[in-house]
Protein backbone atom coordinates (compact mmCIF):
# COMPACT_ATOMS: atom_id res chain seq x y z
CA MET A 1 59.84 55.72 65.84
CA HIS A 2 58.20 55.19 69.22
CA GLY A 3 54.67 55.63 70.48
CA ILE A 4 53.05 58.45 72.43
CA GLY A 5 54.71 59.10 75.79
CA HIS A 6 57.61 56.78 75.05
CA HIS A 7 61.23 57.23 73.95
CA TRP A 8 63.73 55.75 71.51
CA GLN A 9 64.91 53.21 74.09
CA ALA A 10 61.73 51.23 73.40
CA TRP A 11 63.65 49.86 70.43
CA THR A 12 66.74 48.80 72.42
CA PRO A 13 65.93 45.05 72.32
CA VAL A 14 66.07 44.99 68.50
CA LEU A 15 68.75 47.58 67.70
CA ASP A 16 71.72 45.22 67.70
CA LEU A 17 69.80 42.67 65.62
CA LEU A 18 68.94 45.29 63.00
CA ALA A 19 72.44 46.77 63.09
CA GLU A 20 73.75 43.50 61.66
CA ARG A 21 72.23 44.55 58.32
CA PHE A 22 71.47 48.28 58.54
CA ASP A 23 72.67 51.60 59.83
CA VAL A 24 70.04 52.14 62.51
CA ILE A 25 68.83 55.46 63.92
CA ALA A 26 66.24 55.52 66.70
CA VAL A 27 64.73 58.92 67.43
CA ASP A 28 62.93 60.69 70.25
CA LEU A 29 59.99 62.50 68.68
CA PRO A 30 59.64 66.23 69.49
CA GLY A 31 58.27 66.70 73.00
CA PHE A 32 59.16 63.15 74.04
CA GLY A 33 62.23 61.52 75.52
CA ALA A 34 65.26 63.81 75.34
CA SER A 35 64.01 65.82 72.34
CA PRO A 36 62.91 69.42 72.91
CA PRO A 37 59.27 70.35 72.37
CA LEU A 38 57.97 71.73 69.11
CA PRO A 39 58.44 75.48 68.59
CA PRO A 40 55.58 77.63 69.90
CA GLY A 41 52.68 77.74 67.48
CA LEU A 42 53.28 74.34 65.92
CA PRO A 43 50.55 71.85 66.82
CA TYR A 44 51.24 68.36 68.07
CA ASN A 45 49.87 66.07 65.40
CA ALA A 46 51.10 63.34 63.11
CA GLU A 47 51.94 65.74 60.28
CA THR A 48 54.23 67.97 62.34
CA LEU A 49 55.99 65.05 64.02
CA ALA A 50 56.56 63.29 60.70
CA TYR A 51 57.90 66.50 59.17
CA ALA A 52 60.27 66.96 62.12
CA VAL A 53 61.69 63.47 61.61
CA GLU A 54 62.10 64.12 57.89
CA VAL A 55 63.96 67.36 58.59
CA PHE A 56 66.19 65.46 61.01
CA TRP A 57 67.20 62.80 58.50
CA ALA A 58 67.73 65.42 55.80
CA LYS A 59 70.21 67.16 58.10
CA LEU A 60 72.04 63.84 58.39
CA GLY A 61 72.25 63.62 54.60
CA ILE A 62 69.84 60.69 54.41
CA SER A 63 67.34 60.30 51.59
CA GLU A 64 64.40 57.88 51.45
CA PRO A 65 65.32 55.57 54.35
CA HIS A 66 63.52 52.43 55.38
CA VAL A 67 61.40 53.38 58.40
CA ALA A 68 59.72 51.42 61.18
CA GLY A 69 57.45 52.56 63.95
CA CYS A 70 55.22 51.26 66.71
CA SER A 71 51.81 52.69 67.69
CA LEU A 72 52.01 56.43 66.97
CA GLY A 73 55.37 55.76 65.33
CA GLY A 74 53.69 53.15 63.15
CA TYR A 75 51.18 55.72 61.97
CA LEU A 76 54.04 58.11 61.15
CA ALA A 77 55.73 55.37 59.13
CA LEU A 78 52.56 54.76 57.11
CA ASP A 79 52.07 58.50 56.61
CA MET A 80 55.59 58.72 55.20
CA ALA A 81 54.85 55.76 52.92
CA SER A 82 51.67 57.46 51.70
CA ARG A 83 53.75 60.44 50.59
CA GLY A 84 56.50 58.34 49.07
CA VAL A 85 59.32 59.93 51.06
CA VAL A 86 60.68 56.58 52.29
CA ARG A 87 61.89 53.40 50.63
CA SER A 88 59.68 51.12 52.73
CA ALA A 89 57.70 51.30 55.97
CA THR A 90 57.01 48.79 58.71
CA ALA A 91 54.21 49.62 61.15
CA LEU A 92 53.68 47.66 64.37
CA SER A 93 50.17 48.09 65.82
CA PRO A 94 49.83 51.51 64.17
CA ALA A 95 47.47 54.13 65.55
CA GLY A 96 44.58 55.44 63.51
CA PHE A 97 42.58 52.30 62.69
CA TRP A 98 40.30 52.41 65.71
CA SER A 99 36.55 52.69 66.02
CA ARG A 100 35.08 55.49 68.13
CA SER A 101 34.70 53.22 71.16
CA GLU A 102 38.19 51.77 70.72
CA LEU A 103 39.66 55.27 70.57
CA PHE A 104 37.81 56.21 73.76
CA TYR A 105 39.20 53.10 75.45
CA ALA A 106 42.77 53.69 74.25
CA ARG A 107 42.72 57.35 75.32
CA SER A 108 41.37 56.36 78.73
CA VAL A 109 44.09 53.74 79.22
CA LEU A 110 46.80 56.17 78.13
CA ARG A 111 45.53 58.84 80.52
CA LEU A 112 45.49 56.26 83.31
CA LEU A 113 49.07 55.25 82.53
CA ARG A 114 50.13 58.91 82.46
CA ALA A 115 48.48 59.59 85.82
CA ALA A 116 50.11 56.51 87.31
CA ALA A 117 53.49 57.61 85.95
CA VAL A 118 53.12 61.05 87.52
CA ALA A 119 52.17 59.57 90.89
CA SER A 120 54.66 56.70 90.98
CA THR A 121 58.14 56.32 92.40
CA PRO A 122 61.00 54.26 90.92
CA GLU A 123 60.62 51.78 93.79
CA LEU A 124 56.92 51.28 93.06
CA VAL A 125 57.42 50.96 89.31
CA GLY A 126 60.15 48.37 89.79
CA SER A 127 58.12 46.30 92.25
CA PRO A 128 56.30 43.14 91.09
CA ALA A 129 52.93 44.89 91.44
CA GLY A 130 54.11 47.93 89.50
CA ARG A 131 55.60 45.78 86.76
CA ALA A 132 52.38 43.79 86.47
CA PHE A 133 50.17 46.90 86.27
CA THR A 134 52.31 48.89 83.87
CA GLY A 135 53.72 46.03 81.89
CA ARG A 136 50.70 43.91 81.10
CA LEU A 137 48.86 46.73 79.41
CA LEU A 138 51.71 47.16 76.94
CA VAL A 139 53.63 43.88 76.71
CA ALA A 140 52.63 40.24 76.81
CA LYS A 141 55.72 39.18 78.80
CA PRO A 142 56.43 41.84 81.43
CA ALA A 143 58.96 39.60 83.17
CA GLN A 144 61.24 40.04 80.16
CA VAL A 145 61.39 43.81 80.64
CA GLU A 146 64.36 44.87 82.75
CA PRO A 147 63.31 46.87 85.82
CA ALA A 148 65.62 49.71 84.82
CA ALA A 149 64.03 49.86 81.37
CA LEU A 150 60.54 49.97 82.89
CA VAL A 151 61.53 52.74 85.31
CA ALA A 152 63.06 54.74 82.44
CA GLY A 153 59.95 54.24 80.32
CA VAL A 154 57.68 55.48 83.09
CA ALA A 155 59.96 58.49 83.59
CA ALA A 156 59.70 59.27 79.88
CA LEU A 157 55.91 59.10 80.09
CA ARG A 158 55.90 61.36 83.16
CA SER A 159 58.04 64.05 81.51
CA ALA A 160 56.55 63.94 77.99
CA VAL A 161 55.57 67.57 77.39
CA GLY A 162 53.83 66.71 74.12
CA PHE A 163 51.63 64.00 75.59
CA ASP A 164 48.35 65.83 76.22
CA ASP A 165 48.26 67.76 72.95
CA MET A 166 49.27 64.70 70.95
CA LEU A 167 46.61 62.59 72.65
CA ASP A 168 43.99 65.23 71.80
CA SER A 169 45.06 65.09 68.14
CA PHE A 170 44.06 61.42 68.03
CA LEU A 171 40.43 62.59 67.87
CA TRP A 172 41.06 63.78 64.29
CA MET A 173 43.49 61.07 63.20
CA ALA A 174 42.29 59.09 60.18
CA PRO A 175 44.15 56.47 58.14
CA PRO A 176 46.72 58.01 55.76
CA ALA A 177 46.34 58.09 52.00
CA PRO A 178 47.20 54.84 50.18
CA PRO A 179 50.92 54.01 50.32
CA LYS A 180 53.21 54.70 47.39
CA VAL A 181 55.99 52.35 48.56
CA PRO A 182 56.09 48.82 50.01
CA ILE A 183 54.69 48.57 53.53
CA THR A 184 54.41 45.90 56.19
CA VAL A 185 51.78 46.04 58.93
CA ALA A 186 52.02 43.68 61.91
CA TRP A 187 49.97 43.47 65.09
CA GLY A 188 50.63 42.00 68.52
CA GLU A 189 48.45 38.97 69.12
CA HIS A 190 47.86 40.13 72.72
CA ASP A 191 47.73 43.88 72.14
CA ARG A 192 45.64 45.27 75.02
CA LEU A 193 45.88 48.93 74.02
CA LEU A 194 45.07 48.90 70.30
CA VAL A 195 43.13 45.67 70.21
CA ARG A 196 43.92 43.33 67.38
CA ARG A 197 40.60 43.62 65.54
CA GLN A 198 41.95 46.97 64.36
CA ALA A 199 44.40 44.94 62.29
CA VAL A 200 41.51 43.89 60.06
CA ARG A 201 40.78 47.54 59.22
CA ALA A 202 44.47 48.17 58.65
CA GLY A 203 44.54 45.23 56.26
CA ARG A 204 41.60 46.58 54.29
CA TRP A 205 43.27 49.97 54.10
CA ALA A 206 46.56 48.45 52.93
CA GLN A 207 44.81 45.94 50.65
CA GLN A 208 47.04 43.23 52.05
CA ARG A 209 47.07 40.82 54.94
CA VAL A 210 48.45 41.91 58.28
CA ALA A 211 50.94 39.67 60.06
CA LEU A 212 49.96 38.65 63.57
CA LEU A 213 52.90 38.67 65.97
CA GLN A 214 52.26 35.60 68.07
CA GLY A 215 52.97 35.89 71.78
CA CYS A 216 53.40 39.68 71.58
CA GLY A 217 51.65 42.68 73.06
CA HIS A 218 51.46 46.33 72.05
CA LEU A 219 55.25 46.72 72.31
CA PRO A 220 56.47 43.57 70.57
CA MET A 221 60.08 44.75 70.59
CA SER A 222 60.30 43.63 74.23
CA ASP A 223 58.26 40.45 73.83
CA ASP A 224 60.08 38.92 70.85
CA PRO A 225 63.03 40.97 69.54
CA GLU A 226 64.08 38.36 66.99
CA LEU A 227 60.60 38.20 65.48
CA VAL A 228 60.31 41.98 65.25
CA ALA A 229 63.77 42.30 63.70
CA ARG A 230 62.83 39.66 61.12
CA VAL A 231 59.56 41.40 60.24
CA ILE A 232 61.35 44.72 59.76
CA THR A 233 64.14 43.13 57.73
CA ASP A 234 61.68 41.25 55.53
CA GLY A 235 59.75 44.49 55.03
CA THR A 236 62.75 46.10 53.36
CA ARG A 237 62.68 43.45 50.62
CA GLU A 238 60.36 43.28 47.65
CA PRO A 239 56.87 42.36 48.91
CA THR A 240 55.49 38.87 48.42
CA PRO A 241 51.72 38.24 48.31
CA GLY A 242 50.26 36.59 51.41
CA LEU A 243 51.44 36.33 54.97
CA THR A 244 54.96 36.63 56.27
CA ASP A 245 56.11 33.81 58.50
CA ALA A 246 55.48 36.09 61.47
CA GLY A 247 52.00 34.76 62.00
CA ARG A 248 48.55 34.36 60.62
CA GLU A 249 45.83 36.66 59.40
CA PRO A 250 44.05 38.30 62.33
CA SER A 251 40.37 37.72 62.93
């Protein structure tokens, strides 16, 4: 599950790696990517988006899958774990563990990115300056992101009909209830959107250490696909006390 304003293709770098062990389904959340918006009257918030994903997998005949998400998608994964509707959950830099000032900062950056996406052209986005501006806020290694993938990501942000309402819902987003199934929380060492000190709060909430993804930004799938695939795969196994080999405890 992707973050706000993004699409399922954010997971493309790790899909083949995960498909070696799992049947993998990447989704566009309602109002994002190619998915239609929510029906009139349904609010954009974590609860409705999580429910929509659960309805989707039920229609596919799936019960209690392993789930993984990044940013907003990470929060959805933890929400599902708190209700025990999944087998395990892996959350990469999940939303919801911010302070008031950190939330204000994140919302400001996201609005800036949205405005830039609306005003940009494919040529500008694909230029070195465009890649540096857009990329460095979200990834640690923007040179590794294919220009076509960056252009598609900006287009998804531009056309995301659920963006504004979902962003407003962040004002009332609090950490989910304690998880009922095994979870893994990992944070990009160079996350510039949801800064890594939020990982400490996430660790207190989860009552476990949070793995630090070394050399990664907010979207670690692009920075280090092998590392992310390993963290997700390890998260589907029985939990072991202490750190994974993904990194060290954040400070």
